[in-house]
Protein backbone atom coordinates (compact mmCIF):
# COMPACT_ATOMS: atom_id res chain seq x y z
CA MET A 1 19.46 15.46 -19.26
CA LYS A 2 17.92 17.04 -16.17
CA LEU A 3 15.02 15.82 -14.06
CA GLU A 4 12.61 18.65 -13.28
CA LEU A 5 11.34 18.45 -9.69
CA ARG A 6 8.02 20.06 -8.84
CA PRO A 7 8.40 22.23 -5.69
CA ALA A 8 4.99 21.16 -4.37
CA LEU A 9 6.20 17.56 -4.41
CA PHE A 10 9.25 18.45 -2.30
CA TRP A 11 7.62 20.92 0.07
CA ASP A 12 9.94 20.08 2.96
CA VAL A 13 13.25 20.81 1.21
CA ARG A 14 14.62 23.38 -1.23
CA VAL A 15 14.37 21.88 -4.71
CA ASP A 16 17.50 23.66 -5.92
CA GLU A 17 19.56 22.00 -3.16
CA ILE A 18 18.58 18.42 -4.02
CA ASP A 19 21.47 16.40 -5.45
CA LEU A 20 19.79 13.94 -7.83
CA ASP A 21 22.56 11.33 -7.41
CA LYS A 22 23.15 11.67 -3.68
CA HIS A 23 19.42 11.79 -2.79
CA ARG A 24 18.33 9.29 -5.45
CA ALA A 25 16.39 6.97 -3.12
CA SER A 26 14.32 9.73 -1.55
CA VAL A 27 13.62 11.38 -4.92
CA ILE A 28 12.47 8.07 -6.44
CA GLU A 29 10.31 7.22 -3.42
CA ARG A 30 8.69 10.67 -3.32
CA ILE A 31 7.88 10.73 -7.04
CA ALA A 32 6.57 7.16 -6.95
CA THR A 33 4.26 7.80 -4.00
CA ARG A 34 3.11 11.38 -4.67
CA GLY A 35 4.04 12.28 -8.24
CA HIS A 36 2.05 12.44 -11.45
CA TRP A 37 2.34 9.96 -14.31
CA ASP A 38 4.51 12.30 -16.41
CA GLU A 39 6.87 12.80 -13.45
CA PHE A 40 7.09 9.03 -13.00
CA LYS A 41 7.96 8.54 -16.68
CA ALA A 42 10.56 11.32 -16.55
CA MET A 43 12.10 9.74 -13.44
CA VAL A 44 12.35 6.33 -15.13
CA ASN A 45 13.91 7.96 -18.22
CA PHE A 46 16.41 9.85 -16.05
CA TYR A 47 17.50 7.06 -13.68
CA GLY A 48 16.73 4.01 -15.82
CA THR A 49 14.23 1.22 -15.25
CA GLU A 50 16.54 -1.06 -13.27
CA VAL A 51 17.67 1.66 -10.85
CA VAL A 52 14.10 2.76 -10.15
CA LYS A 53 12.90 -0.83 -9.79
CA ASN A 54 15.72 -1.83 -7.42
CA THR A 55 15.28 1.32 -5.35
CA LEU A 56 11.54 0.72 -4.95
CA LEU A 57 12.12 -2.97 -4.17
CA ASN A 58 14.29 -1.89 -1.22
CA THR A 59 12.12 0.97 0.04
CA ARG A 60 10.97 0.58 3.64
CA TYR A 61 7.46 1.95 3.06
CA LEU A 62 5.08 2.24 0.13
CA ASP A 63 1.34 2.68 0.52
CA LYS A 64 -0.81 -0.18 -0.78
CA ARG A 65 -1.82 1.59 -3.99
CA THR A 66 1.77 2.52 -4.90
CA LEU A 67 2.95 -0.98 -4.05
CA ALA A 68 0.36 -2.56 -6.34
CA TYR A 69 1.16 -0.06 -9.10
CA CYS A 70 4.92 -0.66 -8.93
CA SER A 71 4.37 -4.39 -8.86
CA LEU A 72 2.35 -4.14 -12.06
CA ILE A 73 4.63 -1.65 -13.86
CA PHE A 74 7.85 -3.55 -13.13
CA ASP A 75 6.27 -7.03 -13.37
CA VAL A 76 7.48 -8.06 -9.92
CA SER A 77 5.49 -9.93 -7.29
CA ILE A 78 4.34 -7.82 -4.34
CA THR A 79 6.04 -10.29 -2.00
CA GLN A 80 9.48 -9.31 -3.34
CA PHE A 81 9.18 -5.74 -2.07
CA ARG A 82 10.93 -4.99 1.23
CA CYS A 83 8.02 -2.84 2.41
CA TYR A 84 5.63 -5.79 1.98
CA LYS A 85 7.89 -8.06 4.02
CA LEU A 86 8.19 -5.44 6.78
CA ALA A 87 4.41 -4.99 6.84
CA GLN A 88 3.97 -8.73 7.33
CA LEU A 89 6.33 -8.63 10.32
CA ASN A 90 4.35 -5.78 11.90
CA PRO A 91 0.66 -6.59 11.52
CA GLU A 92 -1.84 -3.79 12.03
CA HIS A 93 -5.53 -3.81 12.82
CA TRP A 94 -7.76 -5.13 10.10
CA ASN A 95 -8.23 -2.73 7.22
CA TYR A 96 -11.94 -2.98 6.39
């Protein structure tokens, strides 16, 4: 099975040079934050639910919408994500 990567999603690198095993964390993070639903499903089918979940739990940054979505999809509290813990350590200005 092969995971098809959309070139527009990986605009900063050559898609044909991406090693799906070696660059797993960056591929999962990019698809989770900027990909479409069908790309997300294909990624989960390719890597497996546990690998995707553990990778996203240890990601340093996810935007608020992606964080909430991943929390819901994988049935994990937002507070268990590394990016949430790092955000709490580095407070920003109020987001109105």
